[in-house]
Amino acid sequence: MAWLMLALLQGLAGAVMVYLASPHQRWCAVAWPPAARWSGLAVWLLSLVPWWQAMRPLAAVFACCAWSMLLFGALPAVGAWCQVRKTRGTPERRPAMDGTKSR
């Protein structure tokens, strides 16, 4: 069980590092340097080691790929959701109720 938790956390850390180093990320005002992308990729690839300790090799590769697909799909969605929550109440984003265009 400890190997599995380590694999999940290591994969999460690697995916977050790769996402935050991308130029179109929405979590920070400025993207992380490109070295963070390579470091995140290394952390993500090293997460295969605890996956292999937790299960058989073929299942480990499949689980790692499935976890990565979930993370790389969810991280941009969380960023977009947070951005929408920040701008939801601002007057320039709120539609006019009288039928006229807002600013």
N, C-alpha and C. Protein backbone atom coordinates (compact mmCIF):
# COMPACT_ATOMS: atom_id res chain seq x y z
N MET A 1 0.82 -1.19 0.00
CA MET A 1 0.00 0.00 0.00
C MET A 1 0.86 1.27 0.00
N ALA A 2 1.98 1.21 0.71
CA ALA A 2 2.87 2.37 0.76
C ALA A 2 3.49 2.65 -0.61
N TRP A 3 3.81 1.59 -1.36
CA TRP A 3 4.37 1.77 -2.70
C TRP A 3 3.35 2.45 -3.62
N LEU A 4 2.12 2.06 -3.47
CA LEU A 4 1.07 2.63 -4.31
C LEU A 4 0.87 4.12 -4.00
N MET A 5 0.86 4.48 -2.74
CA MET A 5 0.72 5.89 -2.37
C MET A 5 1.91 6.70 -2.86
N LEU A 6 3.11 6.13 -2.76
CA LEU A 6 4.30 6.82 -3.25
C LEU A 6 4.22 7.01 -4.76
N ALA A 7 3.75 6.00 -5.48
CA ALA A 7 3.62 6.11 -6.93
C ALA A 7 2.60 7.18 -7.32
N LEU A 8 1.47 7.21 -6.62
CA LEU A 8 0.44 8.21 -6.91
C LEU A 8 0.94 9.62 -6.64
N LEU A 9 1.59 9.82 -5.51
CA LEU A 9 2.09 11.15 -5.16
C LEU A 9 3.22 11.59 -6.07
N GLN A 10 4.10 10.66 -6.43
CA GLN A 10 5.20 11.00 -7.31
C GLN A 10 4.68 11.34 -8.71
N GLY A 11 3.71 10.60 -9.19
CA GLY A 11 3.10 10.91 -10.48
C GLY A 11 2.39 12.26 -10.45
N LEU A 12 1.72 12.56 -9.34
CA LEU A 12 1.05 13.85 -9.20
C LEU A 12 2.08 14.99 -9.20
N ALA A 13 3.15 14.82 -8.46
CA ALA A 13 4.18 15.86 -8.41
C ALA A 13 4.80 16.10 -9.79
N GLY A 14 5.09 15.03 -10.50
CA GLY A 14 5.65 15.17 -11.84
C GLY A 14 4.70 15.85 -12.80
N ALA A 15 3.43 15.48 -12.75
CA ALA A 15 2.44 16.08 -13.65
C ALA A 15 2.24 17.56 -13.33
N VAL A 16 2.23 17.91 -12.06
CA VAL A 16 2.07 19.32 -11.68
C VAL A 16 3.27 20.13 -12.15
N MET A 17 4.47 19.58 -12.02
CA MET A 17 5.66 20.29 -12.48
C MET A 17 5.63 20.50 -13.99
N VAL A 18 5.24 19.48 -14.73
CA VAL A 18 5.15 19.60 -16.19
C VAL A 18 4.09 20.62 -16.56
N TYR A 19 2.94 20.59 -15.89
CA TYR A 19 1.86 21.53 -16.21
C TYR A 19 2.25 22.96 -15.90
N LEU A 20 2.87 23.20 -14.74
CA LEU A 20 3.22 24.56 -14.36
C LEU A 20 4.35 25.13 -15.22
N ALA A 21 5.10 24.29 -15.89
CA ALA A 21 6.16 24.77 -16.78
C ALA A 21 5.64 25.04 -18.19
N SER A 22 4.39 24.68 -18.47
CA SER A 22 3.85 24.94 -19.80
C SER A 22 3.45 26.41 -19.92
N PRO A 23 3.59 26.99 -21.12
CA PRO A 23 3.33 28.43 -21.25
C PRO A 23 1.87 28.83 -21.09
N HIS A 24 0.93 27.92 -21.29
CA HIS A 24 -0.49 28.27 -21.23
C HIS A 24 -1.16 27.78 -19.95
N GLN A 25 -0.39 27.52 -18.91
CA GLN A 25 -0.99 27.07 -17.66
C GLN A 25 -1.75 28.22 -17.02
N ARG A 26 -2.73 27.90 -16.18
CA ARG A 26 -3.60 28.92 -15.60
C ARG A 26 -3.52 28.96 -14.07
N TRP A 27 -2.51 28.34 -13.48
CA TRP A 27 -2.43 28.34 -12.02
C TRP A 27 -1.61 29.50 -11.51
N CYS A 28 -0.55 29.85 -12.19
CA CYS A 28 0.36 30.93 -11.75
C CYS A 28 0.34 32.05 -12.78
N ALA A 29 0.77 33.22 -12.35
CA ALA A 29 0.82 34.35 -13.28
C ALA A 29 1.91 34.15 -14.34
N VAL A 30 3.00 33.51 -13.95
CA VAL A 30 4.12 33.28 -14.87
C VAL A 30 4.43 31.80 -14.85
N ALA A 31 4.70 31.24 -16.02
CA ALA A 31 5.04 29.82 -16.10
C ALA A 31 6.40 29.56 -15.47
N TRP A 32 6.56 28.36 -14.97
CA TRP A 32 7.85 27.96 -14.40
C TRP A 32 8.87 27.84 -15.52
N PRO A 33 10.15 27.85 -15.19
CA PRO A 33 11.18 27.75 -16.23
C PRO A 33 11.15 26.37 -16.92
N PRO A 34 11.69 26.29 -18.14
CA PRO A 34 11.66 25.02 -18.87
C PRO A 34 12.38 23.87 -18.15
N ALA A 35 13.31 24.19 -17.28
CA ALA A 35 13.99 23.13 -16.53
C ALA A 35 13.01 22.37 -15.64
N ALA A 36 11.96 23.03 -15.19
CA ALA A 36 10.95 22.37 -14.36
C ALA A 36 10.19 21.32 -15.17
N ARG A 37 10.04 21.57 -16.47
CA ARG A 37 9.36 20.58 -17.31
C ARG A 37 10.17 19.30 -17.39
N TRP A 38 11.48 19.45 -17.57
CA TRP A 38 12.34 18.26 -17.65
C TRP A 38 12.44 17.56 -16.30
N SER A 39 12.49 18.33 -15.24
CA SER A 39 12.52 17.73 -13.90
C SER A 39 11.20 16.99 -13.62
N GLY A 40 10.09 17.59 -14.00
CA GLY A 40 8.81 16.93 -13.83
C GLY A 40 8.69 15.65 -14.63
N LEU A 41 9.25 15.67 -15.84
CA LEU A 41 9.24 14.46 -16.65
C LEU A 41 10.07 13.36 -16.00
N ALA A 42 11.20 13.74 -15.41
CA ALA A 42 12.05 12.76 -14.73
C ALA A 42 11.33 12.19 -13.50
N VAL A 43 10.68 13.06 -12.72
CA VAL A 43 9.93 12.59 -11.55
C VAL A 43 8.80 11.68 -11.98
N TRP A 44 8.12 12.06 -13.05
CA TRP A 44 7.01 11.25 -13.55
C TRP A 44 7.50 9.87 -14.02
N LEU A 45 8.62 9.84 -14.74
CA LEU A 45 9.15 8.55 -15.19
C LEU A 45 9.66 7.70 -14.03
N LEU A 46 10.23 8.35 -13.03
CA LEU A 46 10.69 7.60 -11.86
C LEU A 46 9.54 7.07 -11.02
N SER A 47 8.34 7.56 -11.26
CA SER A 47 7.19 7.02 -10.53
C SER A 47 6.86 5.60 -10.98
N LEU A 48 7.45 5.17 -12.08
CA LEU A 48 7.25 3.78 -12.51
C LEU A 48 7.88 2.79 -11.54
N VAL A 49 8.93 3.20 -10.84
CA VAL A 49 9.60 2.29 -9.90
C VAL A 49 8.65 1.86 -8.78
N PRO A 50 8.00 2.78 -8.08
CA PRO A 50 7.05 2.30 -7.07
C PRO A 50 5.84 1.58 -7.66
N TRP A 51 5.44 1.95 -8.88
CA TRP A 51 4.35 1.20 -9.52
C TRP A 51 4.77 -0.25 -9.70
N TRP A 52 6.01 -0.47 -10.15
CA TRP A 52 6.49 -1.85 -10.35
C TRP A 52 6.62 -2.60 -9.03
N GLN A 53 6.89 -1.89 -7.95
CA GLN A 53 6.97 -2.55 -6.65
C GLN A 53 5.58 -2.93 -6.14
N ALA A 54 4.58 -2.18 -6.53
CA ALA A 54 3.22 -2.41 -6.02
C ALA A 54 2.47 -3.48 -6.81
N MET A 55 2.84 -3.71 -8.07
CA MET A 55 2.09 -4.66 -8.91
C MET A 55 2.97 -5.22 -10.01
N ARG A 56 2.42 -6.08 -10.82
CA ARG A 56 3.18 -6.68 -11.92
C ARG A 56 3.52 -5.62 -12.97
N PRO A 57 4.58 -5.85 -13.77
CA PRO A 57 5.05 -4.81 -14.70
C PRO A 57 4.00 -4.32 -15.69
N LEU A 58 3.26 -5.21 -16.32
CA LEU A 58 2.27 -4.78 -17.29
C LEU A 58 1.15 -3.97 -16.62
N ALA A 59 0.71 -4.42 -15.47
CA ALA A 59 -0.31 -3.68 -14.73
C ALA A 59 0.24 -2.35 -14.25
N ALA A 60 1.52 -2.32 -13.89
CA ALA A 60 2.14 -1.08 -13.42
C ALA A 60 2.18 -0.04 -14.53
N VAL A 61 2.55 -0.44 -15.72
CA VAL A 61 2.60 0.50 -16.85
C VAL A 61 1.19 0.99 -17.18
N PHE A 62 0.22 0.09 -17.17
CA PHE A 62 -1.15 0.48 -17.45
C PHE A 62 -1.67 1.46 -16.39
N ALA A 63 -1.43 1.15 -15.12
CA ALA A 63 -1.91 2.02 -14.05
C ALA A 63 -1.23 3.39 -14.11
N CYS A 64 0.05 3.41 -14.41
CA CYS A 64 0.78 4.67 -14.52
C CYS A 64 0.22 5.51 -15.68
N CYS A 65 -0.05 4.88 -16.79
CA CYS A 65 -0.63 5.60 -17.94
C CYS A 65 -2.04 6.11 -17.64
N ALA A 66 -2.84 5.30 -16.97
CA ALA A 66 -4.19 5.72 -16.62
C ALA A 66 -4.16 6.89 -15.63
N TRP A 67 -3.29 6.82 -14.63
CA TRP A 67 -3.16 7.91 -13.67
C TRP A 67 -2.68 9.18 -14.35
N SER A 68 -1.74 9.03 -15.29
CA SER A 68 -1.22 10.20 -16.02
C SER A 68 -2.30 10.83 -16.89
N MET A 69 -3.09 10.02 -17.57
CA MET A 69 -4.18 10.57 -18.39
C MET A 69 -5.17 11.34 -17.53
N LEU A 70 -5.48 10.81 -16.36
CA LEU A 70 -6.39 11.50 -15.45
C LEU A 70 -5.79 12.84 -15.02
N LEU A 71 -4.52 12.84 -14.64
CA LEU A 71 -3.89 14.07 -14.16
C LEU A 71 -3.74 15.11 -15.26
N PHE A 72 -3.24 14.68 -16.43
CA PHE A 72 -3.02 15.65 -17.50
C PHE A 72 -4.32 16.17 -18.10
N GLY A 73 -5.42 15.51 -17.83
CA GLY A 73 -6.72 16.04 -18.22
C GLY A 73 -7.35 16.90 -17.14
N ALA A 74 -7.10 16.57 -15.88
CA ALA A 74 -7.73 17.28 -14.78
C ALA A 74 -7.01 18.58 -14.42
N LEU A 75 -5.69 18.62 -14.55
CA LEU A 75 -4.95 19.83 -14.15
C LEU A 75 -5.37 21.06 -14.95
N PRO A 76 -5.49 21.00 -16.28
CA PRO A 76 -5.99 22.19 -17.00
C PRO A 76 -7.45 22.52 -16.65
N ALA A 77 -8.25 21.51 -16.39
CA ALA A 77 -9.65 21.76 -16.04
C ALA A 77 -9.74 22.47 -14.69
N VAL A 78 -8.91 22.08 -13.74
CA VAL A 78 -8.90 22.74 -12.43
C VAL A 78 -8.43 24.19 -12.59
N GLY A 79 -7.43 24.41 -13.44
CA GLY A 79 -6.96 25.77 -13.68
C GLY A 79 -8.04 26.65 -14.29
N ALA A 80 -8.77 26.12 -15.25
CA ALA A 80 -9.85 26.89 -15.88
C ALA A 80 -10.98 27.14 -14.89
N TRP A 81 -11.29 26.15 -14.07
CA TRP A 81 -12.35 26.30 -13.08
C TRP A 81 -11.99 27.39 -12.07
N CYS A 82 -10.74 27.40 -11.61
CA CYS A 82 -10.31 28.44 -10.66
C CYS A 82 -10.35 29.82 -11.29
N GLN A 83 -9.99 29.91 -12.57
CA GLN A 83 -10.02 31.21 -13.24
C GLN A 83 -11.46 31.71 -13.39
N VAL A 84 -12.38 30.82 -13.69
CA VAL A 84 -13.79 31.21 -13.80
C VAL A 84 -14.33 31.64 -12.44
N ARG A 85 -13.95 30.95 -11.39
CA ARG A 85 -14.42 31.33 -10.05
C ARG A 85 -13.90 32.70 -9.65
N LYS A 86 -12.69 33.05 -10.07
CA LYS A 86 -12.13 34.36 -9.73
C LYS A 86 -12.87 35.48 -10.45
N THR A 87 -13.24 35.25 -11.71
CA THR A 87 -13.84 36.31 -12.52
C THR A 87 -15.37 36.28 -12.52
N ARG A 88 -15.98 35.37 -11.83
CA ARG A 88 -17.43 35.22 -11.89
C ARG A 88 -18.17 36.45 -11.37
N GLY A 89 -17.70 37.05 -10.29
CA GLY A 89 -18.44 38.15 -9.69
C GLY A 89 -18.03 39.53 -10.16
N THR A 90 -17.09 39.65 -11.07
CA THR A 90 -16.65 40.97 -11.50
C THR A 90 -17.67 41.58 -12.45
N PRO A 91 -17.90 42.89 -12.38
CA PRO A 91 -18.94 43.52 -13.20
C PRO A 91 -18.66 43.42 -14.70
N GLU A 92 -17.41 43.44 -15.13
CA GLU A 92 -17.14 43.40 -16.57
C GLU A 92 -17.40 42.02 -17.16
N ARG A 93 -17.49 40.99 -16.35
CA ARG A 93 -17.78 39.64 -16.84
C ARG A 93 -19.25 39.27 -16.68
N ARG A 94 -19.98 40.00 -15.86
CA ARG A 94 -21.37 39.68 -15.59
C ARG A 94 -22.26 40.16 -16.73
N PRO A 95 -23.15 39.33 -17.28
CA PRO A 95 -24.03 39.80 -18.36
C PRO A 95 -25.06 40.79 -17.83
N ALA A 96 -25.43 41.71 -18.69
CA ALA A 96 -26.44 42.72 -18.32
C ALA A 96 -27.81 42.06 -18.28
N MET A 97 -28.62 42.46 -17.33
CA MET A 97 -29.92 41.84 -17.14
C MET A 97 -31.02 42.55 -17.93
N ASP A 98 -30.73 43.74 -18.48
CA ASP A 98 -31.77 44.50 -19.18
C ASP A 98 -31.74 44.29 -20.69
N GLY A 99 -30.95 43.36 -21.17
CA GLY A 99 -30.90 43.10 -22.60
C GLY A 99 -29.83 43.86 -23.35
N THR A 100 -29.21 44.82 -22.68
CA THR A 100 -28.13 45.56 -23.33
C THR A 100 -26.81 44.82 -23.14
N LYS A 101 -25.86 45.19 -23.96
CA LYS A 101 -24.55 44.55 -23.83
C LYS A 101 -23.83 45.09 -22.61
N SER A 102 -23.11 44.19 -21.95
CA SER A 102 -22.28 44.66 -20.83
C SER A 102 -21.01 45.23 -21.37
N ARG A 103 -20.24 45.89 -20.55
CA ARG A 103 -19.02 46.58 -20.97
C ARG A 103 -18.07 45.70 -21.70
